[in-house]
Amino acid sequence: MSTTELKYSLFKIIDTINDSKKLKDIYSFVSEKADIWDSLTDEQKEEIEQALKELNKGLGIPHEKVMAKYKGKYV
């Protein structure tokens, strides 16, 4: 597929999208302004923030401990 054909194909696909969020996500990606945080839902952001709070309180499980548990089983 030539560059011109690829551009036209992308245009046709994008032209059918009516979801504003999807269009904004595509725009951010192609304009190299993509910040994954901006593409997350509010619920996802809250979950991440809660997990970080728990880690800061020492409530997380160290990576080494998790890996040791599953090393023989999956690796």
PDB file of N, CA and C in Angstrom:
ATOM      1  N   MET A   1       0.857  -1.174   0.000  1.00  0.00           N
ATOM      2  CA  MET A   1       0.000   0.000   0.000  1.00  0.00           C
ATOM      3  C   MET A   1       0.904   1.237   0.000  1.00  0.00           C
ATOM      4  N   SER A   2       0.628   2.139  -0.891  1.00  0.00           N
ATOM      5  CA  SER A   2       1.432   3.363  -0.988  1.00  0.00           C
ATOM      6  C   SER A   2       1.077   4.322   0.150  1.00  0.00           C
ATOM      7  N   THR A   3       1.891   5.305   0.329  1.00  0.00           N
ATOM      8  CA  THR A   3       1.637   6.308   1.363  1.00  0.00           C
ATOM      9  C   THR A   3       0.294   7.002   1.126  1.00  0.00           C
ATOM     10  N   THR A   4       0.038   7.343  -0.109  1.00  0.00           N
ATOM     11  CA  THR A   4      -1.224   8.018  -0.442  1.00  0.00           C
ATOM     12  C   THR A   4      -2.414   7.116  -0.148  1.00  0.00           C
ATOM     13  N   GLU A   5      -2.300   5.843  -0.512  1.00  0.00           N
ATOM     14  CA  GLU A   5      -3.390   4.894  -0.243  1.00  0.00           C
ATOM     15  C   GLU A   5      -3.592   4.703   1.257  1.00  0.00           C
ATOM     16  N   LEU A   6      -2.505   4.644   1.988  1.00  0.00           N
ATOM     17  CA  LEU A   6      -2.586   4.484   3.441  1.00  0.00           C
ATOM     18  C   LEU A   6      -3.258   5.691   4.078  1.00  0.00           C
ATOM     19  N   LYS A   7      -2.875   6.881   3.669  1.00  0.00           N
ATOM     20  CA  LYS A   7      -3.502   8.101   4.200  1.00  0.00           C
ATOM     21  C   LYS A   7      -4.998   8.111   3.913  1.00  0.00           C
ATOM     22  N   TYR A   8      -5.356   7.748   2.694  1.00  0.00           N
ATOM     23  CA  TYR A   8      -6.768   7.741   2.321  1.00  0.00           C
ATOM     24  C   TYR A   8      -7.548   6.700   3.126  1.00  0.00           C
ATOM     25  N   SER A   9      -6.939   5.535   3.316  1.00  0.00           N
ATOM     26  CA  SER A   9      -7.579   4.481   4.104  1.00  0.00           C
ATOM     27  C   SER A   9      -7.792   4.936   5.541  1.00  0.00           C
ATOM     28  N   LEU A  10      -6.782   5.562   6.136  1.00  0.00           N
ATOM     29  CA  LEU A  10      -6.921   6.094   7.499  1.00  0.00           C
ATOM     30  C   LEU A  10      -8.005   7.165   7.558  1.00  0.00           C
ATOM     31  N   PHE A  11      -8.009   8.035   6.571  1.00  0.00           N
ATOM     32  CA  PHE A  11      -9.037   9.087   6.528  1.00  0.00           C
ATOM     33  C   PHE A  11     -10.435   8.480   6.518  1.00  0.00           C
ATOM     34  N   LYS A  12     -10.639   7.451   5.702  1.00  0.00           N
ATOM     35  CA  LYS A  12     -11.960   6.818   5.625  1.00  0.00           C
ATOM     36  C   LYS A  12     -12.364   6.200   6.962  1.00  0.00           C
ATOM     37  N   ILE A  13     -11.416   5.566   7.633  1.00  0.00           N
ATOM     38  CA  ILE A  13     -11.709   4.961   8.934  1.00  0.00           C
ATOM     39  C   ILE A  13     -12.057   6.041   9.954  1.00  0.00           C
ATOM     40  N   ILE A  14     -11.224   7.066  10.027  1.00  0.00           N
ATOM     41  CA  ILE A  14     -11.439   8.145  10.997  1.00  0.00           C
ATOM     42  C   ILE A  14     -12.739   8.884  10.716  1.00  0.00           C
ATOM     43  N   ASP A  15     -13.063   9.039   9.444  1.00  0.00           N
ATOM     44  CA  ASP A  15     -14.281   9.757   9.060  1.00  0.00           C
ATOM     45  C   ASP A  15     -15.544   9.063   9.549  1.00  0.00           C
ATOM     46  N   THR A  16     -15.476   7.765   9.819  1.00  0.00           N
ATOM     47  CA  THR A  16     -16.660   7.042  10.286  1.00  0.00           C
ATOM     48  C   THR A  16     -16.822   7.093  11.801  1.00  0.00           C
ATOM     49  N   ILE A  17     -15.807   7.578  12.518  1.00  0.00           N
ATOM     50  CA  ILE A  17     -15.848   7.604  13.985  1.00  0.00           C
ATOM     51  C   ILE A  17     -16.626   8.824  14.454  1.00  0.00           C
ATOM     52  N   ASN A  18     -17.613   8.582  15.314  1.00  0.00           N
ATOM     53  CA  ASN A  18     -18.420   9.673  15.856  1.00  0.00           C
ATOM     54  C   ASN A  18     -18.180   9.880  17.344  1.00  0.00           C
ATOM     55  N   ASP A  19     -17.396   9.019  17.946  1.00  0.00           N
ATOM     56  CA  ASP A  19     -17.102   9.090  19.375  1.00  0.00           C
ATOM     57  C   ASP A  19     -16.005  10.133  19.614  1.00  0.00           C
ATOM     58  N   SER A  20     -16.372  11.197  20.293  1.00  0.00           N
ATOM     59  CA  SER A  20     -15.453  12.309  20.533  1.00  0.00           C
ATOM     60  C   SER A  20     -14.192  11.878  21.278  1.00  0.00           C
ATOM     61  N   LYS A  21     -14.340  11.004  22.276  1.00  0.00           N
ATOM     62  CA  LYS A  21     -13.178  10.562  23.042  1.00  0.00           C
ATOM     63  C   LYS A  21     -12.208   9.790  22.166  1.00  0.00           C
ATOM     64  N   LYS A  22     -12.731   8.905  21.324  1.00  0.00           N
ATOM     65  CA  LYS A  22     -11.857   8.147  20.424  1.00  0.00           C
ATOM     66  C   LYS A  22     -11.115   9.079  19.481  1.00  0.00           C
ATOM     67  N   LEU A  23     -11.826  10.061  18.960  1.00  0.00           N
ATOM     68  CA  LEU A  23     -11.186  11.012  18.052  1.00  0.00           C
ATOM     69  C   LEU A  23     -10.090  11.810  18.756  1.00  0.00           C
ATOM     70  N   LYS A  24     -10.360  12.214  20.002  1.00  0.00           N
ATOM     71  CA  LYS A  24      -9.341  12.936  20.762  1.00  0.00           C
ATOM     72  C   LYS A  24      -8.137  12.053  21.046  1.00  0.00           C
ATOM     73  N   ASP A  25      -8.380  10.780  21.351  1.00  0.00           N
ATOM     74  CA  ASP A  25      -7.287   9.841  21.588  1.00  0.00           C
ATOM     75  C   ASP A  25      -6.433   9.665  20.334  1.00  0.00           C
ATOM     76  N   ILE A  26      -7.086   9.525  19.199  1.00  0.00           N
ATOM     77  CA  ILE A  26      -6.356   9.382  17.936  1.00  0.00           C
ATOM     78  C   ILE A  26      -5.559  10.648  17.659  1.00  0.00           C
ATOM     79  N   TYR A  27      -6.182  11.795  17.852  1.00  0.00           N
ATOM     80  CA  TYR A  27      -5.496  13.069  17.617  1.00  0.00           C
ATOM     81  C   TYR A  27      -4.263  13.196  18.509  1.00  0.00           C
ATOM     82  N   SER A  28      -4.417  12.878  19.775  1.00  0.00           N
ATOM     83  CA  SER A  28      -3.281  12.952  20.698  1.00  0.00           C
ATOM     84  C   SER A  28      -2.162  12.025  20.251  1.00  0.00           C
ATOM     85  N   PHE A  29      -2.527  10.835  19.820  1.00  0.00           N
ATOM     86  CA  PHE A  29      -1.518   9.856  19.397  1.00  0.00           C
ATOM     87  C   PHE A  29      -0.753  10.350  18.172  1.00  0.00           C
ATOM     88  N   VAL A  30      -1.462  10.792  17.162  1.00  0.00           N
ATOM     89  CA  VAL A  30      -0.784  11.195  15.928  1.00  0.00           C
ATOM     90  C   VAL A  30      -0.088  12.545  16.049  1.00  0.00           C
ATOM     91  N   SER A  31      -0.488  13.362  16.989  1.00  0.00           N
ATOM     92  CA  SER A  31       0.179  14.647  17.162  1.00  0.00           C
ATOM     93  C   SER A  31       1.306  14.556  18.188  1.00  0.00           C
ATOM     94  N   GLU A  32       1.585  13.335  18.642  1.00  0.00           N
ATOM     95  CA  GLU A  32       2.670  13.044  19.583  1.00  0.00           C
ATOM     96  C   GLU A  32       2.521  13.774  20.908  1.00  0.00           C
ATOM     97  N   LYS A  33       1.312  14.075  21.274  1.00  0.00           N
ATOM     98  CA  LYS A  33       1.042  14.699  22.564  1.00  0.00           C
ATOM     99  C   LYS A  33       0.419  13.684  23.509  1.00  0.00           C
ATOM    100  N   ALA A  34       0.539  12.423  23.154  1.00  0.00           N
ATOM    101  CA  ALA A  34      -0.132  11.373  23.915  1.00  0.00           C
ATOM    102  C   ALA A  34       0.414  11.276  25.332  1.00  0.00           C
ATOM    103  N   ASP A  35      -0.478  11.336  26.270  1.00  0.00           N
ATOM    104  CA  ASP A  35      -0.166  11.095  27.674  1.00  0.00           C
ATOM    105  C   ASP A  35      -1.169  10.043  28.108  1.00  0.00           C
ATOM    106  N   ILE A  36      -0.670   8.868  28.408  1.00  0.00           N
ATOM    107  CA  ILE A  36      -1.565   7.746  28.703  1.00  0.00           C
ATOM    108  C   ILE A  36      -2.539   8.083  29.834  1.00  0.00           C
ATOM    109  N   TRP A  37      -2.118   8.920  30.769  1.00  0.00           N
ATOM    110  CA  TRP A  37      -2.986   9.297  31.874  1.00  0.00           C
ATOM    111  C   TRP A  37      -4.268   9.940  31.365  1.00  0.00           C
ATOM    112  N   ASP A  38      -4.153  10.763  30.337  1.00  0.00           N
ATOM    113  CA  ASP A  38      -5.315  11.447  29.790  1.00  0.00           C
ATOM    114  C   ASP A  38      -6.295  10.496  29.107  1.00  0.00           C
ATOM    115  N   SER A  39      -5.813   9.325  28.711  1.00  0.00           N
ATOM    116  CA  SER A  39      -6.692   8.394  28.025  1.00  0.00           C
ATOM    117  C   SER A  39      -7.406   7.441  28.992  1.00  0.00           C
ATOM    118  N   LEU A  40      -7.054   7.509  30.274  1.00  0.00           N
ATOM    119  CA  LEU A  40      -7.691   6.640  31.268  1.00  0.00           C
ATOM    120  C   LEU A  40      -9.030   7.204  31.711  1.00  0.00           C
ATOM    121  N   THR A  41      -9.916   6.305  32.134  1.00  0.00           N
ATOM    122  CA  THR A  41     -11.194   6.749  32.681  1.00  0.00           C
ATOM    123  C   THR A  41     -10.959   7.275  34.096  1.00  0.00           C
ATOM    124  N   ASP A  42     -11.925   8.002  34.626  1.00  0.00           N
ATOM    125  CA  ASP A  42     -11.814   8.497  35.998  1.00  0.00           C
ATOM    126  C   ASP A  42     -11.674   7.337  36.983  1.00  0.00           C
ATOM    127  N   GLU A  43     -12.397   6.260  36.719  1.00  0.00           N
ATOM    128  CA  GLU A  43     -12.330   5.086  37.596  1.00  0.00           C
ATOM    129  C   GLU A  43     -10.925   4.483  37.584  1.00  0.00           C
ATOM    130  N   GLN A  44     -10.326   4.375  36.413  1.00  0.00           N
ATOM    131  CA  GLN A  44      -8.968   3.833  36.319  1.00  0.00           C
ATOM    132  C   GLN A  44      -7.975   4.728  37.057  1.00  0.00           C
ATOM    133  N   LYS A  45      -8.124   6.035  36.901  1.00  0.00           N
ATOM    134  CA  LYS A  45      -7.238   6.981  37.592  1.00  0.00           C
ATOM    135  C   LYS A  45      -7.366   6.837  39.104  1.00  0.00           C
ATOM    136  N   GLU A  46      -8.607   6.709  39.588  1.00  0.00           N
ATOM    137  CA  GLU A  46      -8.844   6.550  41.025  1.00  0.00           C
ATOM    138  C   GLU A  46      -8.208   5.270  41.552  1.00  0.00           C
ATOM    139  N   GLU A  47      -8.330   4.180  40.782  1.00  0.00           N
ATOM    140  CA  GLU A  47      -7.731   2.901  41.185  1.00  0.00           C
ATOM    141  C   GLU A  47      -6.210   3.021  41.293  1.00  0.00           C
ATOM    142  N   ILE A  48      -5.600   3.671  40.335  1.00  0.00           N
ATOM    143  CA  ILE A  48      -4.145   3.851  40.361  1.00  0.00           C
ATOM    144  C   ILE A  48      -3.733   4.718  41.538  1.00  0.00           C
ATOM    145  N   GLU A  49      -4.458   5.809  41.755  1.00  0.00           N
ATOM    146  CA  GLU A  49      -4.133   6.689  42.874  1.00  0.00           C
ATOM    147  C   GLU A  49      -4.277   5.955  44.209  1.00  0.00           C
ATOM    148  N   GLN A  50      -5.319   5.132  44.343  1.00  0.00           N
ATOM    149  CA  GLN A  50      -5.516   4.352  45.564  1.00  0.00           C
ATOM    150  C   GLN A  50      -4.376   3.351  45.752  1.00  0.00           C
ATOM    151  N   ALA A  51      -3.972   2.696  44.678  1.00  0.00           N
ATOM    152  CA  ALA A  51      -2.871   1.731  44.760  1.00  0.00           C
ATOM    153  C   ALA A  51      -1.573   2.415  45.177  1.00  0.00           C
ATOM    154  N   LEU A  52      -1.321   3.598  44.653  1.00  0.00           N
ATOM    155  CA  LEU A  52      -0.113   4.340  45.031  1.00  0.00           C
ATOM    156  C   LEU A  52      -0.146   4.737  46.509  1.00  0.00           C
ATOM    157  N   LYS A  53      -1.312   5.132  46.997  1.00  0.00           N
ATOM    158  CA  LYS A  53      -1.442   5.466  48.418  1.00  0.00           C
ATOM    159  C   LYS A  53      -1.127   4.249  49.281  1.00  0.00           C
ATOM    160  N   GLU A  54      -1.652   3.088  48.868  1.00  0.00           N
ATOM    161  CA  GLU A  54      -1.394   1.858  49.616  1.00  0.00           C
ATOM    162  C   GLU A  54       0.095   1.512  49.603  1.00  0.00           C
ATOM    163  N   LEU A  55       0.729   1.664  48.459  1.00  0.00           N
ATOM    164  CA  LEU A  55       2.167   1.389  48.373  1.00  0.00           C
ATOM    165  C   LEU A  55       2.965   2.323  49.274  1.00  0.00           C
ATOM    166  N   ASN A  56       2.585   3.587  49.300  1.00  0.00           N
ATOM    167  CA  ASN A  56       3.282   4.560  50.147  1.00  0.00           C
ATOM    168  C   ASN A  56       3.121   4.264  51.636  1.00  0.00           C
ATOM    169  N   LYS A  57       2.050   3.543  51.983  1.00  0.00           N
ATOM    170  CA  LYS A  57       1.827   3.150  53.376  1.00  0.00           C
ATOM    171  C   LYS A  57       2.496   1.813  53.697  1.00  0.00           C
ATOM    172  N   GLY A  58       3.182   1.242  52.696  1.00  0.00           N
ATOM    173  CA  GLY A  58       3.855  -0.029  52.909  1.00  0.00           C
ATOM    174  C   GLY A  58       2.939  -1.234  52.799  1.00  0.00           C
ATOM    175  N   LEU A  59       1.800  -1.080  52.177  1.00  0.00           N
ATOM    176  CA  LEU A  59       0.828  -2.158  52.082  1.00  0.00           C
ATOM    177  C   LEU A  59       1.004  -3.030  50.836  1.00  0.00           C
ATOM    178  N   GLY A  60       1.981  -2.711  50.014  1.00  0.00           N
ATOM    179  CA  GLY A  60       2.196  -3.487  48.797  1.00  0.00           C
ATOM    180  C   GLY A  60       3.036  -4.726  49.050  1.00  0.00           C
ATOM    181  N   ILE A  61       3.095  -5.590  48.057  1.00  0.00           N
ATOM    182  CA  ILE A  61       3.927  -6.788  48.115  1.00  0.00           C
ATOM    183  C   ILE A  61       5.128  -6.530  47.206  1.00  0.00           C
ATOM    184  N   PRO A  62       6.340  -6.659  47.733  1.00  0.00           N
ATOM    185  CA  PRO A  62       7.526  -6.407  46.906  1.00  0.00           C
ATOM    186  C   PRO A  62       7.572  -7.318  45.675  1.00  0.00           C
ATOM    187  N   HIS A  63       8.053  -6.779  44.595  1.00  0.00           N
ATOM    188  CA  HIS A  63       8.148  -7.503  43.327  1.00  0.00           C
ATOM    189  C   HIS A  63       8.892  -8.822  43.493  1.00  0.00           C
ATOM    190  N   GLU A  64       9.981  -8.800  44.222  1.00  0.00           N
ATOM    191  CA  GLU A  64      10.796 -10.005  44.421  1.00  0.00           C
ATOM    192  C   GLU A  64       9.989 -11.124  45.080  1.00  0.00           C
ATOM    193  N   LYS A  65       9.145 -10.750  46.022  1.00  0.00           N
ATOM    194  CA  LYS A  65       8.331 -11.737  46.734  1.00  0.00           C
ATOM    195  C   LYS A  65       7.300 -12.364  45.793  1.00  0.00           C
ATOM    196  N   VAL A  66       6.680 -11.552  44.971  1.00  0.00           N
ATOM    197  CA  VAL A  66       5.698 -12.053  44.014  1.00  0.00           C
ATOM    198  C   VAL A  66       6.386 -12.974  43.012  1.00  0.00           C
ATOM    199  N   MET A  67       7.534 -12.550  42.505  1.00  0.00           N
ATOM    200  CA  MET A  67       8.253 -13.359  41.521  1.00  0.00           C
ATOM    201  C   MET A  67       8.703 -14.690  42.116  1.00  0.00           C
ATOM    202  N   ALA A  68       9.149 -14.671  43.355  1.00  0.00           N
ATOM    203  CA  ALA A  68       9.586 -15.904  44.006  1.00  0.00           C
ATOM    204  C   ALA A  68       8.422 -16.882  44.126  1.00  0.00           C
ATOM    205  N   LYS A  69       7.243 -16.369  44.407  1.00  0.00           N
ATOM    206  CA  LYS A  69       6.060 -17.213  44.569  1.00  0.00           C
ATOM    207  C   LYS A  69       5.703 -17.930  43.269  1.00  0.00           C
ATOM    208  N   TYR A  70       5.839 -17.244  42.141  1.00  0.00           N
ATOM    209  CA  TYR A  70       5.400 -17.803  40.866  1.00  0.00           C
ATOM    210  C   TYR A  70       6.532 -18.317  39.975  1.00  0.00           C
ATOM    211  N   LYS A  71       7.757 -18.196  40.429  1.00  0.00           N
ATOM    212  CA  LYS A  71       8.907 -18.569  39.615  1.00  0.00           C
ATOM    213  C   LYS A  71       8.828 -20.014  39.120  1.00  0.00           C
ATOM    214  N   GLY A  72       8.617 -20.945  40.006  1.00  0.00           N
ATOM    215  CA  GLY A  72       8.555 -22.346  39.612  1.00  0.00           C
ATOM    216  C   GLY A  72       7.297 -22.722  38.856  1.00  0.00           C
ATOM    217  N   LYS A  73       6.258 -21.954  39.060  1.00  0.00           N
ATOM    218  CA  LYS A  73       4.965 -22.278  38.473  1.00  0.00           C
ATOM    219  C   LYS A  73       4.844 -21.844  37.009  1.00  0.00           C
ATOM    220  N   TYR A  74       5.349 -20.643  36.689  1.00  0.00           N
ATOM    221  CA  TYR A  74       5.154 -20.099  35.348  1.00  0.00           C
ATOM    222  C   TYR A  74       6.446 -19.792  34.599  1.00  0.00           C
ATOM    223  N   VAL A  75       7.538 -19.622  35.316  1.00  0.00           N
ATOM    224  CA  VAL A  75       8.779 -19.205  34.645  1.00  0.00           C
ATOM    225  C   VAL A  75       9.734 -20.362  34.545  1.00  0.00           C
TER     226      VAL A  75
END
